[in-house]
Amino acid sequence: MDKEKSLLNYDVKILLALVKSLQGSRDFFNFLLRNGYPELAAFSNAVRGDIEALKFLMIEGYPTLGILSNAIDEEPDAMEWIAKKGDIFLIKFSAACRKDNDALQWFKDQGAQIFVYMITEIRVVLRQQLKDSIFVWYKWH
């Protein structure tokens, strides 16, 4: 069963809690989880690389958030699915998270500051994941 709604349909305060969860705040993660937004809690963890959170999104009726997380990680099938869906928000959001500055500018031009903030924080998460993976690679090679 598909229960999801677009990120555009959440109150800005809930989106701010999502950003804080993306930053690694367990308090905000728990707030989302306990106040009726398990999909946003799972999305924040999926973006941070949690496979179980990604599975939750796919199984529990929030596939677009799961696919968005994968598109942010440059998974080709997810990027293709989003392109075929034709949802300009998803296309621009995933591209902006992948360092497409024109896509980020689109959000700025729309006055969508909460999404500019969210994208900026997702970029920080992705940068840290890259640093961590390089460290592990060098440690074992």
C-alpha atoms as a PDB file:
ATOM      1  CA  MET A   1       0.000   0.000   0.000  1.00  0.00           C
ATOM      2  CA  ASP A   2       1.363   3.410  -0.996  1.00  0.00           C
ATOM      3  CA  LYS A   3       0.944   5.825   1.926  1.00  0.00           C
ATOM      4  CA  GLU A   4       3.411   8.462   0.942  1.00  0.00           C
ATOM      5  CA  LYS A   5       3.069  12.081   0.082  1.00  0.00           C
ATOM      6  CA  SER A   6       5.522  14.453  -1.511  1.00  0.00           C
ATOM      7  CA  LEU A   7       8.111  16.164   0.660  1.00  0.00           C
ATOM      8  CA  LEU A   8       6.390  19.341  -0.541  1.00  0.00           C
ATOM      9  CA  ASN A   9       3.307  18.424   1.504  1.00  0.00           C
ATOM     10  CA  TYR A  10       4.953  18.342   4.933  1.00  0.00           C
ATOM     11  CA  ASP A  11       4.857  21.265   7.328  1.00  0.00           C
ATOM     12  CA  VAL A  12       8.108  23.205   7.375  1.00  0.00           C
ATOM     13  CA  LYS A  13       8.610  22.371  11.075  1.00  0.00           C
ATOM     14  CA  ILE A  14       8.509  18.657  10.258  1.00  0.00           C
ATOM     15  CA  LEU A  15      10.949  19.201   7.390  1.00  0.00           C
ATOM     16  CA  LEU A  16      13.246  21.039   9.788  1.00  0.00           C
ATOM     17  CA  ALA A  17      13.099  18.022  12.125  1.00  0.00           C
ATOM     18  CA  LEU A  18      14.017  15.878   9.119  1.00  0.00           C
ATOM     19  CA  VAL A  19      17.061  18.062   8.437  1.00  0.00           C
ATOM     20  CA  LYS A  20      18.151  17.732  12.057  1.00  0.00           C
ATOM     21  CA  SER A  21      17.702  13.956  11.811  1.00  0.00           C
ATOM     22  CA  LEU A  22      19.782  13.954   8.619  1.00  0.00           C
ATOM     23  CA  GLN A  23      22.476  15.756  10.601  1.00  0.00           C
ATOM     24  CA  GLY A  24      22.520  12.790  12.960  1.00  0.00           C
ATOM     25  CA  SER A  25      20.337  14.014  15.816  1.00  0.00           C
ATOM     26  CA  ARG A  26      18.804  10.986  17.536  1.00  0.00           C
ATOM     27  CA  ASP A  27      16.374  13.302  19.353  1.00  0.00           C
ATOM     28  CA  PHE A  28      14.891  14.542  16.085  1.00  0.00           C
ATOM     29  CA  PHE A  29      14.966  11.050  14.581  1.00  0.00           C
ATOM     30  CA  ASN A  30      12.966   9.825  17.587  1.00  0.00           C
ATOM     31  CA  PHE A  31      10.627  12.815  17.339  1.00  0.00           C
ATOM     32  CA  LEU A  32       9.800  11.868  13.741  1.00  0.00           C
ATOM     33  CA  LEU A  33       9.418   8.219  14.632  1.00  0.00           C
ATOM     34  CA  ARG A  34       7.145   8.826  17.631  1.00  0.00           C
ATOM     35  CA  ASN A  35       4.981  11.543  16.103  1.00  0.00           C
ATOM     36  CA  GLY A  36       3.643   9.862  13.011  1.00  0.00           C
ATOM     37  CA  TYR A  37       6.498  10.374  10.543  1.00  0.00           C
ATOM     38  CA  PRO A  38       8.292   7.012  10.454  1.00  0.00           C
ATOM     39  CA  GLU A  39       8.822   7.461   6.716  1.00  0.00           C
ATOM     40  CA  LEU A  40      10.860  10.631   7.285  1.00  0.00           C
ATOM     41  CA  ALA A  41      12.877   8.996  10.053  1.00  0.00           C
ATOM     42  CA  ALA A  42      13.572   6.069   7.722  1.00  0.00           C
ATOM     43  CA  PHE A  43      14.397   8.419   4.828  1.00  0.00           C
ATOM     44  CA  SER A  44      16.970  10.239   6.977  1.00  0.00           C
ATOM     45  CA  ASN A  45      18.596   6.944   7.889  1.00  0.00           C
ATOM     46  CA  ALA A  46      18.417   5.638   4.302  1.00  0.00           C
ATOM     47  CA  VAL A  47      20.239   8.743   3.081  1.00  0.00           C
ATOM     48  CA  ARG A  48      22.819   8.063   5.779  1.00  0.00           C
ATOM     49  CA  GLY A  49      23.346   4.564   4.338  1.00  0.00           C
ATOM     50  CA  ASP A  50      21.038   2.392   6.457  1.00  0.00           C
ATOM     51  CA  ILE A  51      19.879  -0.535   4.292  1.00  0.00           C
ATOM     52  CA  GLU A  52      17.185  -1.582   6.794  1.00  0.00           C
ATOM     53  CA  ALA A  53      15.671   1.907   6.625  1.00  0.00           C
ATOM     54  CA  LEU A  54      15.652   1.667   2.834  1.00  0.00           C
ATOM     55  CA  LYS A  55      13.894  -1.707   3.033  1.00  0.00           C
ATOM     56  CA  PHE A  56      11.317  -0.207   5.419  1.00  0.00           C
ATOM     57  CA  LEU A  57      10.523   2.536   2.915  1.00  0.00           C
ATOM     58  CA  MET A  58      10.080   0.071   0.075  1.00  0.00           C
ATOM     59  CA  ILE A  59       8.020  -2.472   2.028  1.00  0.00           C
ATOM     60  CA  GLU A  60       5.875  -0.163   4.156  1.00  0.00           C
ATOM     61  CA  GLY A  61       4.427   1.984   1.371  1.00  0.00           C
ATOM     62  CA  TYR A  62       6.967   4.765   0.840  1.00  0.00           C
ATOM     63  CA  PRO A  63       8.789   3.623  -2.300  1.00  0.00           C
ATOM     64  CA  THR A  64       9.352   7.087  -3.731  1.00  0.00           C
ATOM     65  CA  LEU A  65      11.370   8.101  -0.674  1.00  0.00           C
ATOM     66  CA  GLY A  66      13.421   4.924  -1.013  1.00  0.00           C
ATOM     67  CA  ILE A  67      14.006   5.525  -4.692  1.00  0.00           C
ATOM     68  CA  LEU A  68      14.856   9.164  -3.983  1.00  0.00           C
ATOM     69  CA  SER A  69      17.480   8.031  -1.478  1.00  0.00           C
ATOM     70  CA  ASN A  70      18.964   5.729  -4.104  1.00  0.00           C
ATOM     71  CA  ALA A  71      18.890   8.491  -6.748  1.00  0.00           C
ATOM     72  CA  ILE A  72      20.736  10.778  -4.344  1.00  0.00           C
ATOM     73  CA  ASP A  73      23.377   8.026  -4.200  1.00  0.00           C
ATOM     74  CA  GLU A  74      23.548   8.053  -8.012  1.00  0.00           C
ATOM     75  CA  GLU A  75      22.031   4.607  -8.482  1.00  0.00           C
ATOM     76  CA  PRO A  76      21.281   4.507 -12.238  1.00  0.00           C
ATOM     77  CA  ASP A  77      17.954   2.647 -12.008  1.00  0.00           C
ATOM     78  CA  ALA A  78      16.652   5.084  -9.395  1.00  0.00           C
ATOM     79  CA  MET A  79      17.786   8.095 -11.405  1.00  0.00           C
ATOM     80  CA  GLU A  80      16.063   6.645 -14.487  1.00  0.00           C
ATOM     81  CA  TRP A  81      12.847   5.944 -12.539  1.00  0.00           C
ATOM     82  CA  ILE A  82      12.735   9.531 -11.268  1.00  0.00           C
ATOM     83  CA  ALA A  83      13.374  10.884 -14.763  1.00  0.00           C
ATOM     84  CA  LYS A  84      10.568   8.723 -16.198  1.00  0.00           C
ATOM     85  CA  LYS A  85       8.197   9.766 -13.418  1.00  0.00           C
ATOM     86  CA  GLY A  86       8.709  13.336 -14.587  1.00  0.00           C
ATOM     87  CA  ASP A  87       8.248  14.903 -11.138  1.00  0.00           C
ATOM     88  CA  ILE A  88      10.270  18.122 -11.407  1.00  0.00           C
ATOM     89  CA  PHE A  89      10.707  18.322  -7.632  1.00  0.00           C
ATOM     90  CA  LEU A  90      12.221  14.821  -7.416  1.00  0.00           C
ATOM     91  CA  ILE A  91      14.394  15.416 -10.481  1.00  0.00           C
ATOM     92  CA  LYS A  92      15.758  18.712  -9.177  1.00  0.00           C
ATOM     93  CA  PHE A  93      16.074  17.510  -5.568  1.00  0.00           C
ATOM     94  CA  SER A  94      18.066  14.394  -6.364  1.00  0.00           C
ATOM     95  CA  ALA A  95      20.247  16.290  -8.849  1.00  0.00           C
ATOM     96  CA  ALA A  96      20.905  19.091  -6.356  1.00  0.00           C
ATOM     97  CA  CYS A  97      21.935  16.562  -3.715  1.00  0.00           C
ATOM     98  CA  ARG A  98      24.401  15.151  -6.257  1.00  0.00           C
ATOM     99  CA  LYS A  99      26.089  18.572  -6.505  1.00  0.00           C
ATOM    100  CA  ASP A 100      24.159  19.910  -9.498  1.00  0.00           C
ATOM    101  CA  ASN A 101      24.368  23.602  -8.663  1.00  0.00           C
ATOM    102  CA  ASP A 102      21.839  24.580 -11.338  1.00  0.00           C
ATOM    103  CA  ALA A 103      19.308  22.324  -9.620  1.00  0.00           C
ATOM    104  CA  LEU A 104      20.178  23.871  -6.253  1.00  0.00           C
ATOM    105  CA  GLN A 105      19.700  27.311  -7.789  1.00  0.00           C
ATOM    106  CA  TRP A 106      16.233  26.235  -8.929  1.00  0.00           C
ATOM    107  CA  PHE A 107      15.250  25.744  -5.266  1.00  0.00           C
ATOM    108  CA  LYS A 108      16.743  29.121  -4.375  1.00  0.00           C
ATOM    109  CA  ASP A 109      14.789  30.739  -7.202  1.00  0.00           C
ATOM    110  CA  GLN A 110      11.604  29.097  -5.889  1.00  0.00           C
ATOM    111  CA  GLY A 111      12.259  30.560  -2.436  1.00  0.00           C
ATOM    112  CA  ALA A 112      12.300  27.005  -1.067  1.00  0.00           C
ATOM    113  CA  GLN A 113      14.803  27.693   1.706  1.00  0.00           C
ATOM    114  CA  ILE A 114      13.948  24.575   3.706  1.00  0.00           C
ATOM    115  CA  PHE A 115      14.892  22.426   0.720  1.00  0.00           C
ATOM    116  CA  VAL A 116      18.071  24.426   0.096  1.00  0.00           C
ATOM    117  CA  TYR A 117      18.972  23.739   3.733  1.00  0.00           C
ATOM    118  CA  MET A 118      18.056  20.043   3.422  1.00  0.00           C
ATOM    119  CA  ILE A 119      20.033  19.613   0.197  1.00  0.00           C
ATOM    120  CA  THR A 120      23.045  21.342   1.746  1.00  0.00           C
ATOM    121  CA  GLU A 121      22.925  18.978   4.705  1.00  0.00           C
ATOM    122  CA  ILE A 122      22.514  15.916   2.483  1.00  0.00           C
ATOM    123  CA  ARG A 123      25.612  17.044   0.594  1.00  0.00           C
ATOM    124  CA  VAL A 124      27.479  17.132   3.927  1.00  0.00           C
ATOM    125  CA  VAL A 125      26.304  13.580   4.704  1.00  0.00           C
ATOM    126  CA  LEU A 126      27.405  12.354   1.275  1.00  0.00           C
ATOM    127  CA  ARG A 127      30.781  14.071   1.608  1.00  0.00           C
ATOM    128  CA  GLN A 128      31.330  12.388   4.983  1.00  0.00           C
ATOM    129  CA  GLN A 129      30.325   8.994   3.577  1.00  0.00           C
ATOM    130  CA  LEU A 130      32.883   9.454   0.798  1.00  0.00           C
ATOM    131  CA  LYS A 131      35.601  10.396   3.304  1.00  0.00           C
ATOM    132  CA  ASP A 132      34.712   7.392   5.454  1.00  0.00           C
ATOM    133  CA  SER A 133      34.821   5.007   2.495  1.00  0.00           C
ATOM    134  CA  ILE A 134      38.178   6.364   1.346  1.00  0.00           C
ATOM    135  CA  PHE A 135      39.544   5.966   4.876  1.00  0.00           C
ATOM    136  CA  VAL A 136      38.364   2.352   5.041  1.00  0.00           C
ATOM    137  CA  TRP A 137      39.798   1.619   1.599  1.00  0.00           C
ATOM    138  CA  TYR A 138      43.200   3.054   2.538  1.00  0.00           C
ATOM    139  CA  LYS A 139      43.149   1.283   5.888  1.00  0.00           C
ATOM    140  CA  TRP A 140      42.761  -2.121   4.212  1.00  0.00           C
ATOM    141  CA  HIS A 141      44.975  -1.589   1.140  1.00  0.00           C
END
